[in-house]
Protein backbone atom coordinates (compact mmCIF):
# COMPACT_ATOMS: atom_id res chain seq x y z
CA UNK A 1 4.42 39.13 20.93
CA UNK A 2 4.08 35.42 21.12
CA UNK A 3 7.08 33.12 20.75
CA UNK A 4 6.54 29.60 19.48
CA UNK A 5 9.25 27.37 20.76
CA UNK A 6 8.06 23.99 19.87
CA UNK A 7 5.35 21.40 20.55
CA UNK A 8 2.80 22.53 23.16
CA UNK A 9 2.61 19.99 25.91
CA UNK A 10 -0.80 18.47 26.51
CA UNK A 11 -2.31 17.32 29.67
CA UNK A 12 -4.43 14.70 27.93
CA UNK A 13 -3.38 11.06 27.39
CA UNK A 14 -3.78 8.44 24.69
CA UNK A 15 -5.08 4.96 25.44
CA UNK A 16 -1.48 3.65 24.90
CA UNK A 17 -0.25 5.96 27.63
CA UNK A 18 -3.11 5.06 29.92
CA UNK A 19 -2.57 1.36 29.50
CA UNK A 20 1.13 1.86 30.34
CA UNK A 21 0.42 3.66 33.61
CA UNK A 22 1.00 1.61 36.66
CA UNK A 23 -0.85 3.86 39.23
CA UNK A 24 -4.53 3.05 39.36
CA UNK A 25 -6.59 5.79 40.88
CA UNK A 26 -4.77 8.73 39.51
CA UNK A 27 -6.59 11.66 37.88
CA UNK A 28 -6.35 11.62 34.12
CA UNK A 29 -7.69 13.50 31.02
CA UNK A 30 -8.42 12.08 27.59
CA UNK A 31 -9.89 13.30 24.30
CA UNK A 32 -11.59 11.46 21.51
CA UNK A 33 -14.54 10.91 19.28
CA UNK A 34 -17.56 9.17 20.77
CA UNK A 35 -17.54 5.73 19.07
CA UNK A 36 -20.35 4.08 21.05
CA UNK A 37 -22.74 4.93 23.91
CA UNK A 38 -24.28 2.14 26.04
CA UNK A 39 -26.83 3.53 28.47
CA UNK A 40 -27.26 0.95 31.22
CA UNK A 41 -29.53 3.13 33.41
CA UNK A 42 -27.49 3.89 36.55
CA UNK A 43 -24.23 3.87 34.65
CA UNK A 44 -23.33 4.87 31.06
CA UNK A 45 -20.41 3.55 29.04
CA UNK A 46 -19.03 5.95 26.50
CA UNK A 47 -16.33 4.51 24.34
CA UNK A 48 -13.95 7.01 22.75
CA UNK A 49 -12.09 6.41 19.50
CA UNK A 50 -8.58 7.60 19.33
CA UNK A 51 -5.87 7.20 16.76
CA UNK A 52 -4.29 4.46 18.98
CA UNK A 53 -7.61 2.58 19.64
CA UNK A 54 -10.61 2.49 21.74
CA UNK A 55 -10.84 3.93 25.26
CA UNK A 56 -13.71 3.15 27.77
CA UNK A 57 -15.08 5.85 29.91
CA UNK A 58 -17.82 5.28 32.59
CA UNK A 59 -20.34 7.90 33.74
CA UNK A 60 -22.89 7.61 36.51
CA UNK A 61 -26.35 8.75 35.28
CA UNK A 62 -26.21 12.22 36.92
CA UNK A 63 -22.77 12.91 35.48
CA UNK A 64 -23.80 11.79 31.96
CA UNK A 65 -26.84 14.08 32.05
CA UNK A 66 -24.85 16.97 33.30
CA UNK A 67 -22.23 16.58 30.51
CA UNK A 68 -24.78 17.44 27.84
CA UNK A 69 -25.92 15.78 24.75
CA UNK A 70 -23.12 13.26 24.34
CA UNK A 71 -23.93 10.87 21.43
CA UNK A 72 -22.08 9.06 18.69
CA UNK A 73 -19.91 11.36 16.44
CA UNK A 74 -19.30 14.01 19.16
CA UNK A 75 -15.66 14.75 20.16
CA UNK A 76 -15.20 15.21 23.84
CA UNK A 77 -12.63 15.81 26.55
CA UNK A 78 -13.16 13.62 29.71
CA UNK A 79 -11.58 13.96 33.08
CA UNK A 80 -11.67 11.30 35.75
CA UNK A 81 -10.04 8.45 37.63
CA UNK A 82 -8.01 5.71 35.90
CA UNK A 83 -9.13 2.21 36.77
CA UNK A 84 -8.02 -1.30 35.72
CA UNK A 85 -10.84 -3.19 33.86
CA UNK A 86 -9.89 -6.39 32.04
CA UNK A 87 -13.16 -6.30 30.07
CA UNK A 88 -12.46 -2.83 28.68
CA UNK A 89 -10.38 -2.21 25.51
CA UNK A 90 -6.65 -2.29 26.48
CA UNK A 91 -7.64 -3.27 30.00
CA UNK A 92 -8.30 0.25 31.42
CA UNK A 93 -11.08 2.72 31.81
CA UNK A 94 -11.71 6.19 33.04
CA UNK A 95 -14.33 6.66 35.82
CA UNK A 96 -15.54 10.00 34.43
CA UNK A 97 -16.00 13.00 36.75
CA UNK A 98 -16.58 15.60 34.08
CA UNK A 99 -16.74 15.97 30.32
CA UNK A 100 -16.49 18.82 27.95
CA UNK A 101 -18.15 18.51 24.54
CA UNK A 102 -15.83 19.82 21.81
CA UNK A 103 -18.05 19.33 18.76
CA UNK A 104 -21.41 17.95 17.98
CA UNK A 105 -22.40 16.16 14.69
CA UNK A 106 -25.11 18.05 12.54
CA UNK A 107 -26.86 14.78 11.73
CA UNK A 108 -26.85 11.00 12.19
CA UNK A 109 -23.94 8.93 10.83
CA UNK A 110 -24.76 7.20 7.49
CA UNK A 111 -23.00 3.96 8.60
CA UNK A 112 -22.94 2.00 11.87
CA UNK A 113 -19.27 2.49 12.44
CA UNK A 114 -19.38 1.22 15.99
CA UNK A 115 -19.90 -2.38 14.85
CA UNK A 116 -17.01 -4.65 14.96
CA UNK A 117 -17.54 -5.49 11.30
CA UNK A 118 -19.05 -2.87 9.10
CA UNK A 119 -22.15 -4.47 7.53
CA UNK A 120 -22.25 -2.40 4.38
CA UNK A 121 -21.46 -3.06 0.71
CA UNK A 122 -18.12 -1.92 -0.70
CA UNK A 123 -19.77 0.71 -2.77
CA UNK A 124 -21.62 2.08 0.31
CA UNK A 125 -18.31 2.19 2.25
CA UNK A 126 -16.58 3.97 -0.64
CA UNK A 127 -19.28 6.48 -1.13
CA UNK A 128 -18.94 7.35 2.59
CA UNK A 129 -15.28 6.76 2.79
CA UNK A 130 -14.28 9.31 5.54
CA UNK A 131 -17.08 7.95 7.76
CA UNK A 132 -16.67 4.18 6.97
CA UNK A 133 -12.93 4.45 7.98
CA UNK A 134 -14.00 5.43 11.51
CA UNK A 135 -14.76 1.74 11.99
CA UNK A 136 -11.78 0.31 13.67
CA UNK A 137 -11.30 -2.76 11.48
CA UNK A 138 -11.73 -0.59 8.32
CA UNK A 139 -9.01 1.80 9.25
CA UNK A 140 -6.82 -1.01 10.60
CA UNK A 141 -6.25 -2.03 7.02
CA UNK A 142 -4.47 1.28 6.32
CA UNK A 143 -2.36 1.08 9.51
CA UNK A 144 -1.05 -2.19 8.06
CA UNK A 145 -0.53 -0.48 4.77
CA UNK A 146 1.39 2.18 6.45
CA UNK A 147 3.64 -0.55 7.96
CA UNK A 148 4.25 -1.75 4.48
CA UNK A 149 5.37 1.61 3.20
CA UNK A 150 7.43 2.26 6.27
CA UNK A 151 9.19 -1.04 5.98
CA UNK A 152 9.85 -0.58 2.30
CA UNK A 153 11.38 2.91 3.07
CA UNK A 154 13.37 1.93 6.13
CA UNK A 155 14.92 -1.15 4.43
CA UNK A 156 16.02 0.78 1.37
CA UNK A 157 17.53 3.54 3.38
CA UNK A 158 19.45 0.86 5.17
CA UNK A 159 20.78 -0.36 1.83
CA UNK A 160 22.14 2.95 0.61
CA UNK A 161 19.09 4.10 -1.52
CA UNK A 162 18.34 7.70 -2.01
CA UNK A 163 14.56 8.69 -1.95
CA UNK A 164 13.50 10.78 -5.03
CA UNK A 165 10.29 12.56 -6.02
CA UNK A 166 9.59 12.62 -9.76
CA UNK A 167 7.11 14.47 -11.88
CA UNK A 168 3.63 12.98 -12.47
CA UNK A 169 3.03 15.18 -15.55
CA UNK A 170 5.22 14.47 -18.65
CA UNK A 171 5.65 14.64 -22.35
CA UNK A 172 5.57 10.82 -22.91
CA UNK A 173 4.55 7.67 -21.22
CA UNK A 174 7.34 5.42 -20.02
CA UNK A 175 5.51 2.21 -20.79
CA UNK A 176 4.18 3.20 -24.23
CA UNK A 177 0.85 1.76 -25.46
CA UNK A 178 -2.72 3.30 -25.38
CA UNK A 179 -3.28 3.20 -21.64
CA UNK A 180 -2.21 6.84 -21.15
CA UNK A 181 -4.19 9.71 -19.65
CA UNK A 182 -3.72 12.60 -22.03
CA UNK A 183 -4.16 16.26 -21.03
CA UNK A 184 -3.53 19.85 -22.15
CA UNK A 185 -0.61 21.45 -20.34
CA UNK A 186 -0.80 25.23 -21.18
CA UNK A 187 -1.89 24.26 -24.71
CA UNK A 188 0.76 21.63 -25.13
CA UNK A 189 0.04 17.83 -25.21
CA UNK A 190 1.02 15.97 -21.95
CA UNK A 191 0.32 12.80 -20.20
CA UNK A 192 -0.09 11.56 -16.56
CA UNK A 193 2.82 9.42 -15.49
CA UNK A 194 2.46 5.63 -16.02
CA UNK A 195 5.47 5.05 -13.81
CA UNK A 196 8.54 7.02 -12.76
CA UNK A 197 10.70 4.64 -14.87
CA UNK A 198 12.64 7.16 -16.96
CA UNK A 199 13.43 9.31 -13.97
CA UNK A 200 14.56 6.31 -11.92
CA UNK A 201 16.94 5.18 -14.57
CA UNK A 202 18.39 8.66 -15.15
CA UNK A 203 19.02 8.93 -11.40
CA UNK A 204 20.92 5.66 -11.12
CA UNK A 205 23.51 7.63 -13.06
CA UNK A 206 23.56 10.18 -10.19
CA UNK A 207 22.88 8.26 -6.89
CA UNK A 208 23.55 4.64 -7.95
CA UNK A 209 20.42 3.51 -5.93
CA UNK A 210 17.12 5.37 -5.83
CA UNK A 211 13.59 4.64 -4.76
CA UNK A 212 10.15 6.46 -4.77
CA UNK A 213 6.71 6.01 -3.40
CA UNK A 214 3.99 7.76 -5.46
CA UNK A 215 0.96 7.63 -7.64
CA UNK A 216 0.92 6.28 -11.15
CA UNK A 217 -1.87 6.51 -13.76
CA UNK A 218 -3.16 3.84 -16.21
CA UNK A 219 -5.94 4.55 -18.63
CA UNK A 220 -7.01 0.99 -18.76
CA UNK A 221 -10.76 0.32 -19.41
CA UNK A 222 -10.84 -2.48 -16.88
CA UNK A 223 -13.62 -3.01 -14.38
CA UNK A 224 -12.17 -5.86 -12.39
CA UNK A 225 -11.21 -6.62 -8.80
CA UNK A 226 -7.53 -6.43 -9.78
CA UNK A 227 -7.28 -2.93 -11.38
CA UNK A 228 -7.22 0.72 -10.43
CA UNK A 229 -6.69 3.70 -12.74
CA UNK A 230 -4.64 5.48 -10.07
CA UNK A 231 -2.49 3.44 -7.65
CA UNK A 232 0.51 3.80 -5.48
CA UNK A 233 3.63 2.30 -6.81
CA UNK A 234 6.64 1.44 -4.57
CA UNK A 235 9.64 1.70 -6.98
CA UNK A 236 13.35 1.20 -6.71
CA UNK A 237 16.19 1.17 -9.26
CA UNK A 238 19.77 0.04 -8.45
CA UNK A 239 23.00 0.39 -10.41
CA UNK A 240 26.10 -1.95 -10.84
CA UNK A 241 24.00 -5.19 -10.84
CA UNK A 242 25.32 -8.34 -12.17
CA UNK A 243 21.86 -9.59 -13.28
CA UNK A 244 18.18 -9.41 -12.62
CA UNK A 245 18.72 -11.80 -9.68
CA UNK A 246 20.33 -8.94 -7.72
CA UNK A 247 17.03 -7.03 -8.02
CA UNK A 248 14.99 -10.14 -7.03
CA UNK A 249 17.19 -10.71 -4.01
CA UNK A 250 16.74 -7.14 -2.92
CA UNK A 251 12.88 -7.48 -3.12
CA UNK A 252 12.99 -10.76 -1.16
CA UNK A 253 15.04 -9.22 1.68
CA UNK A 254 12.83 -6.09 1.56
CA UNK A 255 9.71 -8.24 1.90
CA UNK A 256 11.10 -10.20 4.79
CA UNK A 257 11.98 -6.86 6.50
CA UNK A 258 8.41 -5.59 5.97
CA UNK A 259 6.85 -8.68 7.43
CA UNK A 260 8.91 -8.40 10.58
CA UNK A 261 8.04 -4.67 11.00
CA UNK A 262 4.29 -5.59 10.71
CA UNK A 263 4.70 -8.54 13.38
CA UNK A 264 6.51 -6.24 15.73
CA UNK A 265 4.82 -2.87 15.32
CA UNK A 266 1.38 -3.63 14.01
CA UNK A 267 0.43 -6.79 15.92
CA UNK A 268 -2.72 -5.24 17.30
CA UNK A 269 -4.02 -4.42 13.77
CA UNK A 270 -3.02 -7.83 12.50
CA UNK A 271 -4.84 -9.50 15.38
CA UNK A 272 -7.98 -7.36 14.82
CA UNK A 273 -8.05 -8.31 11.08
CA UNK A 274 -7.21 -11.97 11.79
CA UNK A 275 -4.13 -11.82 9.61
CA UNK A 276 -0.92 -13.88 9.85
CA UNK A 277 1.96 -12.48 7.95
CA UNK A 278 3.88 -14.98 5.82
CA UNK A 279 7.33 -16.31 6.56
CA UNK A 280 9.70 -15.85 3.66
CA UNK A 281 12.76 -18.20 3.99
CA UNK A 282 13.19 -17.99 0.17
CA UNK A 283 11.08 -17.32 -2.90
CA UNK A 284 11.04 -19.80 -5.72
CA UNK A 285 11.60 -18.66 -9.36
CA UNK A 286 10.20 -20.35 -12.45
CA UNK A 287 10.70 -19.25 -16.11
CA UNK A 288 7.63 -17.88 -17.82
CA UNK A 289 7.54 -20.70 -20.40
CA UNK A 290 8.27 -23.32 -17.77
CA UNK A 291 5.35 -21.94 -15.51
CA UNK A 292 2.92 -21.94 -18.42
CA UNK A 293 3.70 -25.61 -19.20
CA UNK A 294 3.47 -26.57 -15.52
CA UNK A 295 0.01 -25.06 -15.13
CA UNK A 296 -1.12 -26.82 -18.33
CA UNK A 297 0.25 -30.19 -17.35
CA UNK A 298 -0.62 -30.01 -13.68
CA UNK A 299 -4.12 -28.61 -13.79
CA UNK A 300 -5.24 -29.39 -17.33
CA UNK A 301 -5.66 -25.83 -18.54
CA UNK A 302 -4.74 -25.10 -22.03
CA UNK A 303 -2.49 -21.98 -22.46
CA UNK A 304 -4.21 -19.38 -24.62
CA UNK A 305 -2.09 -16.31 -24.31
CA UNK A 306 1.43 -17.15 -25.62
CA UNK A 307 3.11 -13.94 -24.52
CA UNK A 308 1.48 -13.16 -21.16
CA UNK A 309 -0.07 -14.83 -18.15
CA UNK A 310 -3.87 -14.74 -17.84
CA UNK A 311 -5.29 -14.07 -14.36
CA UNK A 312 -6.37 -17.69 -14.08
CA UNK A 313 -2.93 -18.83 -14.85
CA UNK A 314 -1.35 -16.59 -12.28
CA UNK A 315 -3.88 -18.04 -9.70
CA UNK A 316 -2.84 -21.58 -10.60
CA UNK A 317 0.86 -20.79 -10.55
CA UNK A 318 0.27 -19.43 -7.01
CA UNK A 319 -1.46 -22.64 -6.01
CA UNK A 320 1.38 -24.69 -7.62
CA UNK A 321 4.04 -22.61 -5.62
CA UNK A 322 2.07 -23.14 -2.32
CA UNK A 323 1.68 -26.90 -2.89
CA UNK A 324 5.10 -27.59 -4.23
CA UNK A 325 7.38 -25.08 -2.37
CA UNK A 326 5.25 -24.08 0.58
CA UNK A 327 5.60 -20.41 -0.62
CA UNK A 328 2.93 -17.68 -1.05
CA UNK A 329 5.33 -15.87 -3.36
CA UNK A 330 6.85 -16.93 -6.67
CA UNK A 331 8.95 -15.11 -9.27
CA UNK A 332 8.18 -15.62 -12.85
CA UNK A 333 11.17 -14.75 -14.96
CA UNK A 334 12.08 -14.34 -18.61
CA UNK A 335 8.95 -12.77 -20.02
CA UNK A 336 8.69 -12.58 -23.79
CA UNK A 337 10.17 -9.49 -25.31
CA UNK A 338 6.92 -8.69 -27.10
CA UNK A 339 5.24 -8.00 -23.72
CA UNK A 340 7.96 -5.95 -22.16
CA UNK A 341 8.87 -2.23 -22.73
CA UNK A 342 11.74 -1.22 -25.04
CA UNK A 343 14.17 -0.60 -22.27
CA UNK A 344 14.01 -4.28 -20.91
CA UNK A 345 17.27 -6.14 -21.38
CA UNK A 346 16.86 -9.10 -23.85
CA UNK A 347 18.19 -12.42 -22.73
CA UNK A 348 21.51 -12.84 -24.66
CA UNK A 349 20.91 -16.65 -24.77
CA UNK A 350 17.46 -16.13 -26.55
CA UNK A 351 16.47 -12.71 -27.53
CA UNK A 352 12.77 -13.70 -27.77
CA UNK A 353 12.75 -13.35 -24.01
CA UNK A 354 13.88 -10.63 -21.51
CA UNK A 355 15.81 -10.53 -18.25
CA UNK A 356 12.67 -9.45 -16.47
CA UNK A 357 10.28 -10.91 -13.90
CA UNK A 358 6.98 -10.53 -12.09
CA UNK A 359 6.37 -11.47 -8.54
CA UNK A 360 3.15 -13.26 -7.72
CA UNK A 361 1.75 -13.28 -4.21
CA UNK A 362 -1.05 -15.63 -3.53
CA UNK A 363 -1.66 -15.96 -7.32
CA UNK A 364 -1.65 -12.24 -8.21
CA UNK A 365 1.00 -10.16 -9.73
CA UNK A 366 2.26 -7.48 -7.31
CA UNK A 367 5.60 -6.59 -8.91
CA UNK A 368 7.12 -6.05 -12.36
CA UNK A 369 10.90 -5.62 -12.70
CA UNK A 370 14.09 -6.76 -14.27
CA UNK A 371 17.38 -5.74 -15.74
CA UNK A 372 17.36 -2.63 -18.01
CA UNK A 373 19.30 -1.90 -21.11
CA UNK A 374 22.22 0.34 -20.03
CA UNK A 375 24.14 0.66 -23.38
CA UNK A 376 23.07 3.71 -25.47
CA UNK A 377 23.43 1.97 -28.90
CA UNK A 378 21.65 -1.09 -27.80
CA UNK A 379 18.78 1.03 -26.44
CA UNK A 380 18.49 3.19 -29.66
CA UNK A 381 18.67 0.02 -31.80
CA UNK A 382 15.81 -1.56 -29.94
CA UNK A 383 13.79 1.61 -30.26
CA UNK A 384 14.46 1.79 -33.88
CA UNK A 385 13.49 -1.94 -34.31
CA UNK A 386 10.13 -1.18 -32.74
CA UNK A 387 9.61 1.88 -34.93
CA UNK A 388 9.94 4.27 -31.99
CA UNK A 389 11.27 7.89 -32.28
CA UNK A 390 13.01 9.81 -29.58
CA UNK A 391 10.35 12.56 -29.40
CA UNK A 392 9.78 13.48 -25.61
CA UNK A 393 12.66 11.15 -24.65
CA UNK A 394 15.71 13.33 -25.52
CA UNK A 395 16.73 14.01 -21.86
CA UNK A 396 16.24 10.27 -20.97
CA UNK A 397 18.46 9.13 -23.92
CA UNK A 398 21.10 11.83 -23.15
CA UNK A 399 21.75 10.16 -19.79
CA UNK A 400 22.54 6.85 -21.66
CA UNK A 401 24.67 8.65 -24.26
CA UNK A 402 26.84 10.00 -21.42
CA UNK A 403 27.22 6.68 -19.85
CA UNK A 404 25.13 4.42 -17.46
CA UNK A 405 26.03 1.55 -15.28
CA UNK A 406 24.27 -1.79 -15.51
CA UNK A 407 21.06 -1.42 -13.52
CA UNK A 408 17.62 -2.76 -12.91
CA UNK A 409 14.71 -2.19 -10.68
CA UNK A 410 11.08 -2.86 -10.09
CA UNK A 411 7.61 -1.35 -9.22
CA UNK A 412 5.30 -2.82 -6.57
CA UNK A 413 1.49 -2.15 -6.53
CA UNK A 414 0.90 -1.10 -3.02
CA UNK A 415 -2.76 -1.75 -3.04
CA UNK A 416 -2.51 -5.29 -4.44
CA UNK A 417 0.16 -6.12 -1.99
CA UNK A 418 -2.08 -4.85 0.83
CA UNK A 419 -5.24 -6.84 -0.15
CA UNK A 420 -3.27 -10.00 -0.81
CA UNK A 421 -1.77 -9.74 2.63
CA UNK A 422 -5.16 -9.06 4.29
CA UNK A 423 -6.95 -11.71 2.32
CA UNK A 424 -9.39 -9.29 0.58
CA UNK A 425 -10.74 -10.11 -2.91
CA UNK A 426 -10.93 -6.54 -4.28
CA UNK A 427 -8.00 -4.14 -4.72
CA UNK A 428 -10.27 -1.12 -3.91
CA UNK A 429 -10.36 -2.44 -0.30
CA UNK A 430 -6.70 -1.46 -0.11
CA UNK A 431 -7.05 2.21 -1.41
CA UNK A 432 -8.25 5.06 0.72
CA UNK A 433 -9.94 6.81 -2.16
CA UNK A 434 -10.02 4.59 -5.21
CA UNK A 435 -10.06 5.78 -8.75
CA UNK A 436 -11.51 3.43 -11.18
CA UNK A 437 -13.60 3.82 -14.43
CA UNK A 438 -16.70 4.85 -12.59
CA UNK A 439 -15.36 6.61 -9.53
CA UNK A 440 -13.98 10.21 -9.25
CA UNK A 441 -15.30 10.98 -5.73
CA UNK A 442 -14.90 11.29 -2.81
């Protein structure tokens, strides 16, 4: 009988571990995928790709031939002597004495992943996603994205939030409207979740502060650089707030924490991508109507959509914030009630507007949030005024009937935040396997 007592210790090392070793000349082993082979005649450089980065190994001609058919795409285990070499990735290399081929590709790779920049169109990279991400710059984007989610989670844990996981199949959409994916659920009508909004609010009555990271679905017939039909939303909801400014302040501090995590833990990826993370001493806030007037007066653009911001307006507001406040971020507050869901708290000073906000980053909306209605009668009165029924929302409304604290929250589009940080111009660059109007694979 075997007894499994824990992680099996390995005798192979990562490039991080090898770079940290002080003793040159020691015998070491390493594993990885063959990223590049450079045959110089008498010596052959075989660069291995590991999760931590690239590792250079060096064979003499006889040793390379004895190892077998080592080529790009193979996975190998190499044994040899550790050497310092400043020209090698991470400043170390292995003078290979032997190699074992662990697997061999059945055919050529469809993309030249060993290049520093992958010279292929976005469509080609998405068609061969699992291969294109073997390029070190392509995959670095998603290491940075990992850092964003890690920072989001770590910060909210530190602020007393509880992580929750809510259903993605439901009876009714939280946002309303026509942008809902409908499906049959055991012969009953159902929808894919537009957001975890109802569940977040209900759980504020349980845990006071909650957050979630998960997919949301929007059946929007958009074919733009800004939209996905399935994206990852970073959501939180917090109780006992005094106003939407509490939510805005929490997001500001969270973003500051995320940027510090990236600078500290993901510096190698940021350098590879030539990205400088923004400093966030503060985030300016402009009212919706004020922002529209500023854009019109400053840039001579006539406002056409009275109840929402057009993409060009968002871009110009971002320019204004950078020129005026030196900030890549700007909050736009007090959106018109006509463009906000029924649960948004109306401004008691002017009920045409809501105590809600968007956060723009470099001229693109990445966050929607605000204060919610917590009073049961106020909530049901607003629903009635909009001609809504409680069908499919009975449990949601029950939480309010039984009492809820003042609360608010937000949702952040992870892919949008990622591409804006990285300076990319298409949201699909920030999604591992995008789902848009024309793409269901891979």
